[in-house]
Amino acid sequence: MGRPAMITEAQKKQKSMGLTNMDWKVGDVLPLPFPESSFSAVITRYSFHHFLEPEAVLTEMVRVCQPGGRVAVVDVFMSTPKQAEAYNRMEKLRDPSHTRALLLAELTAMFHDAGLSEMKTAFYKLDVELGKLLTASCTKPDDAQVVRKIFEDDLGVDRLGVGAIRQDDGIHFAFPIVVVVGRKQPA
């Protein structure tokens, strides 16, 4: 089996930047293909909303982290169950690999349950234009029309929790992103 295209692109970028202290592995997340306590930091970015079992993935991240090391999750989140329901319904149409955006309280509880301490959170918004996102996502045409209608209906209402607004070049919104970092307890 050949390497996924994104890994090939990452390797090209690495080479163009002269970075030699990196390696690329393709494998399953459950279980992660690394021995216990392999890394001083374990990070996932924009992937938790794709996992069927995010708690199990976090447990694996902690397993491969060294005692005293850091585990970080960077992902979209929702503030309320009602927001999450509306957002997830829309997002599954736009991107069928989406499972669900976690509530912030769920994600932080997972960190506590995984035994991580010194937890810190930071927040930012990832601004996008809907039309460009739909094109880049390769959303099915019929689903793209439904997604556009969902956003049209959400202008000025914000059921989705993304603050959609109309600008000259289309509908803009911002994915709410949280960075959650915790420390693995020393042995």
C-alpha atoms as a PDB file:
ATOM      1  CA  MET A   1       0.000   0.000   0.000  1.00  0.00           C
ATOM      2  CA  GLY A   2       1.333   3.443  -0.933  1.00  0.00           C
ATOM      3  CA  ARG A   3       1.716   6.329   1.484  1.00  0.00           C
ATOM      4  CA  PRO A   4      -1.257   8.657   1.727  1.00  0.00           C
ATOM      5  CA  ALA A   5      -0.915  11.802  -0.352  1.00  0.00           C
ATOM      6  CA  MET A   6      -0.874  14.069   2.697  1.00  0.00           C
ATOM      7  CA  ILE A   7       2.189  12.280   4.106  1.00  0.00           C
ATOM      8  CA  THR A   8       3.982  12.655   0.775  1.00  0.00           C
ATOM      9  CA  GLU A   9       3.184  16.378   0.806  1.00  0.00           C
ATOM     10  CA  ALA A  10       4.358  16.689   4.422  1.00  0.00           C
ATOM     11  CA  GLN A  11       7.641  14.990   3.538  1.00  0.00           C
ATOM     12  CA  LYS A  12       8.160  17.410   0.633  1.00  0.00           C
ATOM     13  CA  LYS A  13       7.542  20.378   2.922  1.00  0.00           C
ATOM     14  CA  GLN A  14       9.889  18.904   5.552  1.00  0.00           C
ATOM     15  CA  LYS A  15      12.630  18.479   2.951  1.00  0.00           C
ATOM     16  CA  SER A  16      12.133  22.005   1.540  1.00  0.00           C
ATOM     17  CA  MET A  17      12.522  23.398   5.069  1.00  0.00           C
ATOM     18  CA  GLY A  18      15.641  21.327   5.766  1.00  0.00           C
ATOM     19  CA  LEU A  19      14.087  19.616   8.792  1.00  0.00           C
ATOM     20  CA  THR A  20      15.883  16.377   9.662  1.00  0.00           C
ATOM     21  CA  ASN A  21      14.570  15.627  13.152  1.00  0.00           C
ATOM     22  CA  MET A  22      11.185  14.303  11.980  1.00  0.00           C
ATOM     23  CA  ASP A  23       9.774  10.987  10.886  1.00  0.00           C
ATOM     24  CA  TRP A  24       6.367  10.116   9.451  1.00  0.00           C
ATOM     25  CA  LYS A  25       4.356   7.022  10.389  1.00  0.00           C
ATOM     26  CA  VAL A  26       0.969   5.871   9.164  1.00  0.00           C
ATOM     27  CA  GLY A  27      -0.971   3.614  11.487  1.00  0.00           C
ATOM     28  CA  ASP A  28      -4.102   3.066  13.494  1.00  0.00           C
ATOM     29  CA  VAL A  29      -4.902   5.277  16.443  1.00  0.00           C
ATOM     30  CA  LEU A  30      -6.348   2.365  18.434  1.00  0.00           C
ATOM     31  CA  PRO A  31      -3.864   1.280  19.488  1.00  0.00           C
ATOM     32  CA  LEU A  32      -1.167   3.796  18.662  1.00  0.00           C
ATOM     33  CA  PRO A  33       1.784   1.922  17.115  1.00  0.00           C
ATOM     34  CA  PHE A  34       4.302   3.050  19.740  1.00  0.00           C
ATOM     35  CA  PRO A  35       5.593   1.634  23.036  1.00  0.00           C
ATOM     36  CA  GLU A  36       4.490   3.061  26.369  1.00  0.00           C
ATOM     37  CA  SER A  37       6.181   6.332  27.406  1.00  0.00           C
ATOM     38  CA  SER A  38       7.657   6.995  23.939  1.00  0.00           C
ATOM     39  CA  PHE A  39       7.163  10.762  23.721  1.00  0.00           C
ATOM     40  CA  SER A  40       7.522  13.857  25.886  1.00  0.00           C
ATOM     41  CA  ALA A  41       4.535  15.452  24.104  1.00  0.00           C
ATOM     42  CA  VAL A  42       1.582  13.859  22.300  1.00  0.00           C
ATOM     43  CA  ILE A  43      -0.632  16.170  20.249  1.00  0.00           C
ATOM     44  CA  THR A  44      -3.631  15.800  17.990  1.00  0.00           C
ATOM     45  CA  ARG A  45      -4.989  18.684  15.931  1.00  0.00           C
ATOM     46  CA  TYR A  46      -8.412  18.863  14.289  1.00  0.00           C
ATOM     47  CA  SER A  47      -8.980  15.122  14.535  1.00  0.00           C
ATOM     48  CA  PHE A  48     -10.953  14.376  17.712  1.00  0.00           C
ATOM     49  CA  HIS A  49     -14.266  15.124  15.990  1.00  0.00           C
ATOM     50  CA  HIS A  50     -13.539  12.239  13.591  1.00  0.00           C
ATOM     51  CA  PHE A  51     -12.971   9.576  16.272  1.00  0.00           C
ATOM     52  CA  LEU A  52     -15.730   7.135  17.186  1.00  0.00           C
ATOM     53  CA  GLU A  53     -14.073   6.576  20.586  1.00  0.00           C
ATOM     54  CA  PRO A  54     -12.326   9.801  21.627  1.00  0.00           C
ATOM     55  CA  GLU A  55     -11.949   8.606  25.233  1.00  0.00           C
ATOM     56  CA  ALA A  56     -10.021   5.539  24.039  1.00  0.00           C
ATOM     57  CA  VAL A  57      -7.843   7.700  21.782  1.00  0.00           C
ATOM     58  CA  LEU A  58      -6.997  10.004  24.691  1.00  0.00           C
ATOM     59  CA  THR A  59      -6.131   6.959  26.812  1.00  0.00           C
ATOM     60  CA  GLU A  60      -3.727   5.837  24.067  1.00  0.00           C
ATOM     61  CA  MET A  61      -2.185   9.298  23.885  1.00  0.00           C
ATOM     62  CA  VAL A  62      -1.563   9.205  27.631  1.00  0.00           C
ATOM     63  CA  ARG A  63      -0.113   5.676  27.376  1.00  0.00           C
ATOM     64  CA  VAL A  64       2.550   6.718  24.853  1.00  0.00           C
ATOM     65  CA  CYS A  65       3.393   9.919  26.760  1.00  0.00           C
ATOM     66  CA  GLN A  66       6.298   9.886  29.213  1.00  0.00           C
ATOM     67  CA  PRO A  67       5.573  10.595  32.885  1.00  0.00           C
ATOM     68  CA  GLY A  68       5.761  14.352  33.311  1.00  0.00           C
ATOM     69  CA  GLY A  69       5.063  14.884  29.599  1.00  0.00           C
ATOM     70  CA  ARG A  70       2.207  16.804  28.005  1.00  0.00           C
ATOM     71  CA  VAL A  71      -0.859  15.634  26.119  1.00  0.00           C
ATOM     72  CA  ALA A  72      -2.722  18.153  23.944  1.00  0.00           C
ATOM     73  CA  VAL A  73      -5.936  18.095  21.951  1.00  0.00           C
ATOM     74  CA  VAL A  74      -6.736  20.928  19.539  1.00  0.00           C
ATOM     75  CA  ASP A  75     -10.220  20.640  18.073  1.00  0.00           C
ATOM     76  CA  VAL A  76     -13.602  22.160  17.427  1.00  0.00           C
ATOM     77  CA  PHE A  77     -15.937  22.202  20.430  1.00  0.00           C
ATOM     78  CA  MET A  78     -19.488  23.178  21.270  1.00  0.00           C
ATOM     79  CA  SER A  79     -20.797  24.980  24.345  1.00  0.00           C
ATOM     80  CA  THR A  80     -24.298  23.511  24.682  1.00  0.00           C
ATOM     81  CA  PRO A  81     -25.996  20.228  23.760  1.00  0.00           C
ATOM     82  CA  LYS A  82     -28.478  22.092  21.538  1.00  0.00           C
ATOM     83  CA  GLN A  83     -25.637  23.791  19.649  1.00  0.00           C
ATOM     84  CA  ALA A  84     -23.814  20.482  19.332  1.00  0.00           C
ATOM     85  CA  GLU A  85     -26.886  18.781  17.879  1.00  0.00           C
ATOM     86  CA  ALA A  86     -27.387  21.478  15.220  1.00  0.00           C
ATOM     87  CA  TYR A  87     -23.686  21.741  14.408  1.00  0.00           C
ATOM     88  CA  ASN A  88     -23.144  17.972  14.167  1.00  0.00           C
ATOM     89  CA  ARG A  89     -26.172  17.503  11.889  1.00  0.00           C
ATOM     90  CA  MET A  90     -24.796  20.149   9.512  1.00  0.00           C
ATOM     91  CA  GLU A  91     -21.169  19.016   9.734  1.00  0.00           C
ATOM     92  CA  LYS A  92     -22.002  15.375   8.888  1.00  0.00           C
ATOM     93  CA  LEU A  93     -23.523  16.624   5.633  1.00  0.00           C
ATOM     94  CA  ARG A  94     -20.485  18.767   4.853  1.00  0.00           C
ATOM     95  CA  ASP A  95     -17.967  16.110   5.893  1.00  0.00           C
ATOM     96  CA  PRO A  96     -19.234  12.524   6.257  1.00  0.00           C
ATOM     97  CA  SER A  97     -16.079  11.573   8.227  1.00  0.00           C
ATOM     98  CA  HIS A  98     -17.251  13.847  11.072  1.00  0.00           C
ATOM     99  CA  THR A  99     -18.605  11.931  14.071  1.00  0.00           C
ATOM    100  CA  ARG A 100     -19.329  14.723  16.553  1.00  0.00           C
ATOM    101  CA  ALA A 101     -17.912  17.865  18.069  1.00  0.00           C
ATOM    102  CA  LEU A 102     -17.519  17.342  21.782  1.00  0.00           C
ATOM    103  CA  LEU A 103     -18.910  19.665  24.377  1.00  0.00           C
ATOM    104  CA  LEU A 104     -16.142  21.575  26.138  1.00  0.00           C
ATOM    105  CA  ALA A 105     -17.223  20.024  29.448  1.00  0.00           C
ATOM    106  CA  GLU A 106     -16.959  16.510  27.937  1.00  0.00           C
ATOM    107  CA  LEU A 107     -13.448  17.110  26.657  1.00  0.00           C
ATOM    108  CA  THR A 108     -12.139  18.554  29.907  1.00  0.00           C
ATOM    109  CA  ALA A 109     -13.792  15.704  31.853  1.00  0.00           C
ATOM    110  CA  MET A 110     -11.952  13.211  29.606  1.00  0.00           C
ATOM    111  CA  PHE A 111      -8.645  14.832  30.559  1.00  0.00           C
ATOM    112  CA  HIS A 112      -9.484  14.522  34.248  1.00  0.00           C
ATOM    113  CA  ASP A 113     -10.662  10.915  33.810  1.00  0.00           C
ATOM    114  CA  ALA A 114      -7.421  10.074  31.971  1.00  0.00           C
ATOM    115  CA  GLY A 115      -5.451  11.184  35.038  1.00  0.00           C
ATOM    116  CA  LEU A 116      -3.958  14.289  33.442  1.00  0.00           C
ATOM    117  CA  SER A 117      -3.157  17.189  35.756  1.00  0.00           C
ATOM    118  CA  GLU A 118      -2.244  20.865  35.450  1.00  0.00           C
ATOM    119  CA  MET A 119      -4.853  21.170  32.717  1.00  0.00           C
ATOM    120  CA  LYS A 120      -4.847  24.397  30.729  1.00  0.00           C
ATOM    121  CA  THR A 121      -7.196  25.590  28.007  1.00  0.00           C
ATOM    122  CA  ALA A 122      -6.918  28.253  25.329  1.00  0.00           C
ATOM    123  CA  PHE A 123      -9.425  29.262  22.698  1.00  0.00           C
ATOM    124  CA  TYR A 124      -9.398  30.701  19.195  1.00  0.00           C
ATOM    125  CA  LYS A 125     -11.607  30.871  16.149  1.00  0.00           C
ATOM    126  CA  LEU A 126     -10.749  29.493  12.726  1.00  0.00           C
ATOM    127  CA  ASP A 127     -12.378  31.814  10.180  1.00  0.00           C
ATOM    128  CA  VAL A 128     -13.582  30.360   6.872  1.00  0.00           C
ATOM    129  CA  GLU A 129     -15.757  31.271   3.913  1.00  0.00           C
ATOM    130  CA  LEU A 130     -18.480  28.676   3.383  1.00  0.00           C
ATOM    131  CA  GLY A 131     -18.230  28.344  -0.409  1.00  0.00           C
ATOM    132  CA  LYS A 132     -14.467  27.804  -0.348  1.00  0.00           C
ATOM    133  CA  LEU A 133     -14.824  25.290   2.485  1.00  0.00           C
ATOM    134  CA  LEU A 134     -17.504  23.319   0.632  1.00  0.00           C
ATOM    135  CA  THR A 135     -15.319  23.204  -2.494  1.00  0.00           C
ATOM    136  CA  ALA A 136     -12.233  22.110  -0.546  1.00  0.00           C
ATOM    137  CA  SER A 137     -14.274  19.498   1.357  1.00  0.00           C
ATOM    138  CA  CYS A 138     -15.590  17.843  -1.821  1.00  0.00           C
ATOM    139  CA  THR A 139     -19.070  17.897  -0.285  1.00  0.00           C
ATOM    140  CA  LYS A 140     -21.686  16.169  -2.453  1.00  0.00           C
ATOM    141  CA  PRO A 141     -23.580  18.799  -4.496  1.00  0.00           C
ATOM    142  CA  ASP A 142     -26.995  17.980  -2.986  1.00  0.00           C
ATOM    143  CA  ASP A 143     -25.539  18.036   0.537  1.00  0.00           C
ATOM    144  CA  ALA A 144     -23.742  21.326  -0.206  1.00  0.00           C
ATOM    145  CA  GLN A 145     -27.088  22.903  -1.094  1.00  0.00           C
ATOM    146  CA  VAL A 146     -28.572  21.700   2.209  1.00  0.00           C
ATOM    147  CA  VAL A 147     -25.546  23.018   4.121  1.00  0.00           C
ATOM    148  CA  ARG A 148     -25.841  26.406   2.392  1.00  0.00           C
ATOM    149  CA  LYS A 149     -29.538  26.543   3.385  1.00  0.00           C
ATOM    150  CA  ILE A 150     -28.677  25.639   6.999  1.00  0.00           C
ATOM    151  CA  PHE A 151     -26.197  28.538   7.098  1.00  0.00           C
ATOM    152  CA  GLU A 152     -28.654  30.931   5.413  1.00  0.00           C
ATOM    153  CA  ASP A 153     -31.208  30.066   8.095  1.00  0.00           C
ATOM    154  CA  ASP A 154     -28.580  30.532  10.823  1.00  0.00           C
ATOM    155  CA  LEU A 155     -27.577  34.079   9.861  1.00  0.00           C
ATOM    156  CA  GLY A 156     -28.229  36.310  12.875  1.00  0.00           C
ATOM    157  CA  VAL A 157     -29.499  33.320  14.912  1.00  0.00           C
ATOM    158  CA  ASP A 158     -26.333  31.291  15.671  1.00  0.00           C
ATOM    159  CA  ARG A 159     -27.911  27.927  16.455  1.00  0.00           C
ATOM    160  CA  LEU A 160     -24.709  26.368  15.067  1.00  0.00           C
ATOM    161  CA  GLY A 161     -22.449  28.294  17.446  1.00  0.00           C
ATOM    162  CA  VAL A 162     -20.195  29.523  14.640  1.00  0.00           C
ATOM    163  CA  GLY A 163     -21.328  33.152  14.269  1.00  0.00           C
ATOM    164  CA  ALA A 164     -22.207  32.988  10.564  1.00  0.00           C
ATOM    165  CA  ILE A 165     -22.374  36.354   8.786  1.00  0.00           C
ATOM    166  CA  ARG A 166     -22.857  37.437   5.184  1.00  0.00           C
ATOM    167  CA  GLN A 167     -20.041  39.391   3.582  1.00  0.00           C
ATOM    168  CA  ASP A 168     -19.514  40.563   0.011  1.00  0.00           C
ATOM    169  CA  ASP A 169     -17.818  37.328  -1.037  1.00  0.00           C
ATOM    170  CA  GLY A 170     -20.223  34.924   0.732  1.00  0.00           C
ATOM    171  CA  ILE A 171     -21.089  33.516   4.120  1.00  0.00           C
ATOM    172  CA  HIS A 172     -18.264  33.563   6.654  1.00  0.00           C
ATOM    173  CA  PHE A 173     -18.134  31.774   9.976  1.00  0.00           C
ATOM    174  CA  ALA A 174     -15.605  30.654  12.549  1.00  0.00           C
ATOM    175  CA  PHE A 175     -15.031  27.168  13.901  1.00  0.00           C
ATOM    176  CA  PRO A 176     -14.714  27.503  17.707  1.00  0.00           C
ATOM    177  CA  ILE A 177     -11.424  25.809  18.609  1.00  0.00           C
ATOM    178  CA  VAL A 178     -10.128  24.773  22.009  1.00  0.00           C
ATOM    179  CA  VAL A 179      -6.589  23.768  22.936  1.00  0.00           C
ATOM    180  CA  VAL A 180      -6.599  21.495  25.990  1.00  0.00           C
ATOM    181  CA  VAL A 181      -3.248  20.507  27.502  1.00  0.00           C
ATOM    182  CA  GLY A 182      -2.629  18.272  30.496  1.00  0.00           C
ATOM    183  CA  ARG A 183       0.427  16.801  32.196  1.00  0.00           C
ATOM    184  CA  LYS A 184       0.899  13.072  32.690  1.00  0.00           C
ATOM    185  CA  GLN A 185       1.624  12.326  36.334  1.00  0.00           C
ATOM    186  CA  PRO A 186       5.215  11.283  37.089  1.00  0.00           C
ATOM    187  CA  ALA A 187       5.510   7.596  37.950  1.00  0.00           C
END
